[in-house]
N, C-alpha and C. Protein backbone atom coordinates (compact mmCIF):
# COMPACT_ATOMS: atom_id res chain seq x y z
N MET A 1 -3.80 83.43 -7.75
CA MET A 1 -5.08 83.93 -7.29
C MET A 1 -5.92 82.76 -6.77
N ALA A 2 -6.65 83.03 -5.71
CA ALA A 2 -7.45 81.98 -5.08
C ALA A 2 -8.63 81.59 -5.96
N THR A 3 -8.92 80.31 -5.98
CA THR A 3 -10.07 79.80 -6.72
C THR A 3 -11.34 80.08 -5.92
N MET A 4 -12.33 80.61 -6.61
CA MET A 4 -13.63 80.90 -5.98
C MET A 4 -14.64 79.85 -6.43
N ASP A 5 -15.67 79.64 -5.60
CA ASP A 5 -16.72 78.69 -5.96
C ASP A 5 -18.04 79.22 -5.40
N TYR A 6 -19.13 78.75 -5.99
CA TYR A 6 -20.46 79.09 -5.50
C TYR A 6 -20.91 78.03 -4.52
N TYR A 7 -21.62 78.47 -3.47
CA TYR A 7 -22.13 77.58 -2.45
C TYR A 7 -23.60 77.90 -2.21
N ILE A 8 -24.37 76.89 -1.83
CA ILE A 8 -25.76 77.12 -1.45
C ILE A 8 -25.78 77.37 0.05
N TYR A 9 -26.27 78.54 0.42
CA TYR A 9 -26.42 78.91 1.83
C TYR A 9 -27.90 78.77 2.18
N THR A 10 -28.20 77.91 3.16
CA THR A 10 -29.57 77.73 3.62
C THR A 10 -29.78 78.57 4.86
N ASP A 11 -30.67 79.57 4.75
CA ASP A 11 -30.86 80.46 5.89
C ASP A 11 -31.69 79.78 6.97
N ASP A 12 -31.88 80.47 8.08
CA ASP A 12 -32.60 79.90 9.22
C ASP A 12 -34.07 79.62 8.92
N ASN A 13 -34.61 80.22 7.86
CA ASN A 13 -35.98 79.96 7.44
C ASN A 13 -36.07 78.82 6.44
N GLY A 14 -34.94 78.21 6.09
CA GLY A 14 -34.92 77.09 5.14
C GLY A 14 -34.87 77.51 3.68
N ILE A 15 -34.63 78.79 3.40
CA ILE A 15 -34.57 79.28 2.03
C ILE A 15 -33.12 79.24 1.54
N ASP A 16 -32.91 78.70 0.33
CA ASP A 16 -31.57 78.59 -0.24
C ASP A 16 -31.18 79.87 -0.97
N HIS A 17 -29.92 80.24 -0.81
CA HIS A 17 -29.34 81.41 -1.46
C HIS A 17 -27.99 81.01 -2.04
N THR A 18 -27.50 81.78 -3.00
CA THR A 18 -26.17 81.55 -3.54
C THR A 18 -25.19 82.53 -2.90
N ILE A 19 -24.05 82.00 -2.45
CA ILE A 19 -22.95 82.87 -2.01
C ILE A 19 -21.69 82.40 -2.71
N ARG A 20 -20.71 83.27 -2.78
CA ARG A 20 -19.44 82.93 -3.43
C ARG A 20 -18.32 83.09 -2.41
N LEU A 21 -17.50 82.04 -2.28
CA LEU A 21 -16.40 82.02 -1.31
C LEU A 21 -15.13 81.51 -1.97
N LYS A 22 -14.00 81.80 -1.32
CA LYS A 22 -12.77 81.13 -1.72
C LYS A 22 -12.98 79.65 -1.46
N LYS A 23 -12.66 78.82 -2.44
CA LYS A 23 -12.91 77.39 -2.35
C LYS A 23 -12.21 76.77 -1.14
N VAL A 24 -10.97 77.13 -0.89
CA VAL A 24 -10.22 76.54 0.21
C VAL A 24 -10.89 76.84 1.55
N ASN A 25 -11.46 78.04 1.72
CA ASN A 25 -12.14 78.39 2.97
C ASN A 25 -13.49 77.70 3.08
N GLY A 26 -14.26 77.73 2.01
CA GLY A 26 -15.58 77.11 2.03
C GLY A 26 -15.51 75.62 2.30
N ASP A 27 -14.56 74.94 1.66
CA ASP A 27 -14.42 73.50 1.85
C ASP A 27 -13.89 73.15 3.24
N ALA A 28 -13.08 74.04 3.83
CA ALA A 28 -12.46 73.75 5.14
C ALA A 28 -13.50 73.58 6.25
N VAL A 29 -14.60 74.32 6.18
CA VAL A 29 -15.61 74.21 7.23
C VAL A 29 -16.72 73.23 6.87
N GLY A 30 -16.60 72.55 5.74
CA GLY A 30 -17.55 71.50 5.37
C GLY A 30 -18.61 71.91 4.37
N ASN A 31 -18.56 73.15 3.87
CA ASN A 31 -19.53 73.57 2.86
C ASN A 31 -19.33 72.76 1.59
N THR A 32 -20.40 72.56 0.83
CA THR A 32 -20.33 71.83 -0.44
C THR A 32 -20.47 72.83 -1.57
N GLY A 33 -19.44 72.90 -2.41
CA GLY A 33 -19.42 73.87 -3.50
C GLY A 33 -20.07 73.35 -4.77
N GLY A 34 -19.98 74.17 -5.81
CA GLY A 34 -20.51 73.79 -7.11
C GLY A 34 -21.97 74.13 -7.29
N ALA A 35 -22.51 75.01 -6.46
CA ALA A 35 -23.92 75.38 -6.55
C ALA A 35 -24.18 76.23 -7.79
N ALA A 36 -25.38 76.14 -8.27
CA ALA A 36 -25.80 76.98 -9.40
C ALA A 36 -25.91 78.43 -8.93
N PRO A 37 -25.34 79.37 -9.68
CA PRO A 37 -25.38 80.77 -9.24
C PRO A 37 -26.69 81.49 -9.54
N ASN A 38 -27.77 80.76 -9.81
CA ASN A 38 -29.03 81.41 -10.18
C ASN A 38 -30.01 81.54 -9.02
N LEU A 39 -29.62 81.19 -7.82
CA LEU A 39 -30.49 81.37 -6.66
C LEU A 39 -30.38 82.81 -6.18
N PRO A 40 -31.35 83.28 -5.39
CA PRO A 40 -31.26 84.66 -4.90
C PRO A 40 -30.06 84.85 -3.97
N VAL A 41 -29.57 86.07 -3.94
CA VAL A 41 -28.46 86.42 -3.05
C VAL A 41 -29.03 86.70 -1.66
N SER A 42 -28.32 86.30 -0.63
CA SER A 42 -28.79 86.50 0.73
C SER A 42 -28.62 87.97 1.14
N HIS A 43 -29.62 88.50 1.81
CA HIS A 43 -29.55 89.87 2.34
C HIS A 43 -29.51 89.82 3.87
N LYS A 44 -28.73 88.92 4.38
CA LYS A 44 -28.58 88.75 5.82
C LYS A 44 -27.10 88.70 6.15
N LYS A 45 -26.80 88.92 7.41
CA LYS A 45 -25.44 88.65 7.88
C LYS A 45 -25.42 87.16 8.14
N LEU A 46 -24.56 86.46 7.44
CA LEU A 46 -24.55 85.00 7.43
C LEU A 46 -24.01 84.42 8.73
N ARG A 47 -24.53 83.23 9.08
CA ARG A 47 -23.93 82.51 10.21
C ARG A 47 -22.50 82.17 9.80
N HIS A 48 -21.57 82.24 10.74
CA HIS A 48 -20.18 82.02 10.38
C HIS A 48 -19.37 81.57 11.59
N VAL A 49 -18.16 81.10 11.31
CA VAL A 49 -17.20 80.78 12.36
C VAL A 49 -16.07 81.80 12.29
N ASP A 50 -15.58 82.19 13.45
CA ASP A 50 -14.41 83.06 13.55
C ASP A 50 -13.21 82.17 13.84
N LEU A 51 -12.18 82.29 13.00
CA LEU A 51 -10.97 81.49 13.14
C LEU A 51 -9.79 82.40 13.45
N GLU A 52 -8.80 81.85 14.16
CA GLU A 52 -7.61 82.62 14.50
C GLU A 52 -6.37 81.75 14.36
N LEU A 53 -5.31 82.36 13.87
CA LEU A 53 -4.01 81.69 13.74
C LEU A 53 -2.97 82.60 14.37
N ILE A 54 -2.25 82.08 15.34
CA ILE A 54 -1.17 82.84 15.96
C ILE A 54 0.14 82.22 15.50
N SER A 55 0.97 83.04 14.86
CA SER A 55 2.26 82.55 14.36
C SER A 55 3.34 83.56 14.72
N GLY A 56 4.55 83.26 14.33
CA GLY A 56 5.67 84.17 14.56
C GLY A 56 5.51 85.47 13.78
N LEU A 57 4.63 85.47 12.80
CA LEU A 57 4.42 86.67 11.98
C LEU A 57 3.29 87.55 12.51
N GLY A 58 2.56 87.07 13.50
CA GLY A 58 1.46 87.85 14.05
C GLY A 58 0.21 87.03 14.27
N ILE A 59 -0.89 87.72 14.49
CA ILE A 59 -2.19 87.09 14.70
C ILE A 59 -3.03 87.34 13.46
N PHE A 60 -3.59 86.27 12.91
CA PHE A 60 -4.41 86.35 11.71
C PHE A 60 -5.80 85.84 12.04
N ARG A 61 -6.80 86.48 11.45
CA ARG A 61 -8.18 86.07 11.71
C ARG A 61 -8.94 85.90 10.41
N LYS A 62 -9.88 84.96 10.40
CA LYS A 62 -10.76 84.71 9.26
C LYS A 62 -12.19 84.57 9.77
N ARG A 63 -13.13 84.95 8.92
CA ARG A 63 -14.55 84.75 9.19
C ARG A 63 -15.08 83.98 7.99
N ILE A 64 -15.57 82.74 8.21
CA ILE A 64 -16.02 81.89 7.11
C ILE A 64 -17.48 81.51 7.33
N PRO A 65 -18.35 81.81 6.34
CA PRO A 65 -19.76 81.43 6.45
C PRO A 65 -19.94 79.91 6.52
N VAL A 66 -20.91 79.49 7.30
CA VAL A 66 -21.30 78.08 7.40
C VAL A 66 -22.64 77.96 6.69
N CYS A 67 -22.63 77.29 5.53
CA CYS A 67 -23.81 77.28 4.66
C CYS A 67 -24.97 76.44 5.17
N ASP A 68 -24.69 75.44 5.95
CA ASP A 68 -25.73 74.51 6.41
C ASP A 68 -25.60 74.35 7.93
N PRO A 69 -26.63 74.67 8.69
CA PRO A 69 -26.53 74.53 10.14
C PRO A 69 -26.40 73.08 10.60
N GLY A 70 -26.57 72.12 9.68
CA GLY A 70 -26.41 70.71 10.01
C GLY A 70 -24.96 70.23 9.92
N LEU A 71 -24.04 71.09 9.51
CA LEU A 71 -22.63 70.69 9.40
C LEU A 71 -22.02 70.48 10.78
N PRO A 72 -21.04 69.56 10.89
CA PRO A 72 -20.42 69.29 12.19
C PRO A 72 -19.86 70.53 12.88
N ILE A 73 -19.33 71.47 12.12
CA ILE A 73 -18.74 72.66 12.76
C ILE A 73 -19.80 73.51 13.46
N TRP A 74 -21.07 73.31 13.10
CA TRP A 74 -22.15 74.05 13.73
C TRP A 74 -22.88 73.20 14.76
N GLY A 75 -22.49 71.95 14.91
CA GLY A 75 -23.16 71.02 15.80
C GLY A 75 -22.85 71.24 17.26
N PRO A 76 -23.37 70.36 18.13
CA PRO A 76 -23.19 70.53 19.58
C PRO A 76 -21.75 70.31 20.04
N THR A 77 -20.97 69.55 19.28
CA THR A 77 -19.56 69.33 19.66
C THR A 77 -18.67 69.67 18.46
N PRO A 78 -18.50 70.96 18.18
CA PRO A 78 -17.71 71.36 17.01
C PRO A 78 -16.22 71.10 17.23
N PRO A 79 -15.47 70.96 16.15
CA PRO A 79 -14.03 70.78 16.29
C PRO A 79 -13.38 72.05 16.84
N ALA A 80 -12.25 71.89 17.51
CA ALA A 80 -11.53 73.04 18.08
C ALA A 80 -10.67 73.73 17.03
N THR A 81 -10.34 73.01 15.95
CA THR A 81 -9.51 73.59 14.90
C THR A 81 -10.09 73.25 13.53
N VAL A 82 -9.71 74.05 12.53
CA VAL A 82 -10.07 73.82 11.14
C VAL A 82 -8.78 73.90 10.33
N SER A 83 -8.56 72.93 9.45
CA SER A 83 -7.35 72.91 8.64
C SER A 83 -7.60 73.60 7.30
N ILE A 84 -6.80 74.62 7.00
CA ILE A 84 -6.86 75.33 5.73
C ILE A 84 -5.47 75.29 5.12
N ASP A 85 -5.36 74.64 3.98
CA ASP A 85 -4.07 74.46 3.30
C ASP A 85 -3.03 73.83 4.23
N GLY A 86 -3.46 72.87 5.05
CA GLY A 86 -2.54 72.17 5.94
C GLY A 86 -2.16 72.93 7.20
N VAL A 87 -2.77 74.08 7.44
CA VAL A 87 -2.49 74.88 8.63
C VAL A 87 -3.71 74.84 9.54
N ALA A 88 -3.48 74.54 10.82
CA ALA A 88 -4.59 74.44 11.78
C ALA A 88 -4.95 75.82 12.33
N TRP A 89 -6.18 76.23 12.09
CA TRP A 89 -6.72 77.49 12.62
C TRP A 89 -7.60 77.16 13.81
N ASP A 90 -7.50 77.92 14.90
CA ASP A 90 -8.33 77.73 16.09
C ASP A 90 -9.72 78.33 15.86
N VAL A 91 -10.75 77.57 16.23
CA VAL A 91 -12.12 78.08 16.15
C VAL A 91 -12.34 78.92 17.41
N LYS A 92 -12.59 80.21 17.22
CA LYS A 92 -12.75 81.13 18.35
C LYS A 92 -14.20 81.49 18.63
N GLY A 93 -15.07 81.27 17.66
CA GLY A 93 -16.47 81.60 17.91
C GLY A 93 -17.36 81.16 16.77
N ARG A 94 -18.64 80.99 17.09
CA ARG A 94 -19.67 80.66 16.09
C ARG A 94 -20.75 81.71 16.24
N ILE A 95 -20.98 82.47 15.19
CA ILE A 95 -21.91 83.59 15.24
C ILE A 95 -23.13 83.26 14.38
N GLY A 96 -24.30 83.41 14.95
CA GLY A 96 -25.54 83.09 14.25
C GLY A 96 -25.94 84.14 13.23
N GLU A 97 -26.94 83.80 12.46
CA GLU A 97 -27.44 84.66 11.38
C GLU A 97 -28.17 85.87 11.94
N ARG A 98 -27.99 87.01 11.26
CA ARG A 98 -28.69 88.24 11.65
C ARG A 98 -29.19 88.94 10.40
N ARG A 99 -30.26 89.68 10.54
CA ARG A 99 -30.75 90.51 9.43
C ARG A 99 -29.99 91.83 9.46
N PHE A 100 -29.89 92.48 8.30
CA PHE A 100 -29.25 93.81 8.24
C PHE A 100 -30.10 94.82 8.94
């Protein structure tokens, strides 16, 4: 079973929230885990990156929240790939935060 961790998600208004992600996914995009789970839960659609992996077994997609807009993956020159468990996933899109 995948290890989960708490992360601090800073929304576009600068307010911190707690979210829980698979550790391998959260760490792959540069999020910092180990946050205290006592912050409020976010009621927004989180900013995230869309990743894609094309292999002989098919096309696989992931959506991983980006907790801090200051991370390199959210910067002006983001990487083209993200490594998860030694496998390179292509970055297909960066989607901004939205309210429900």
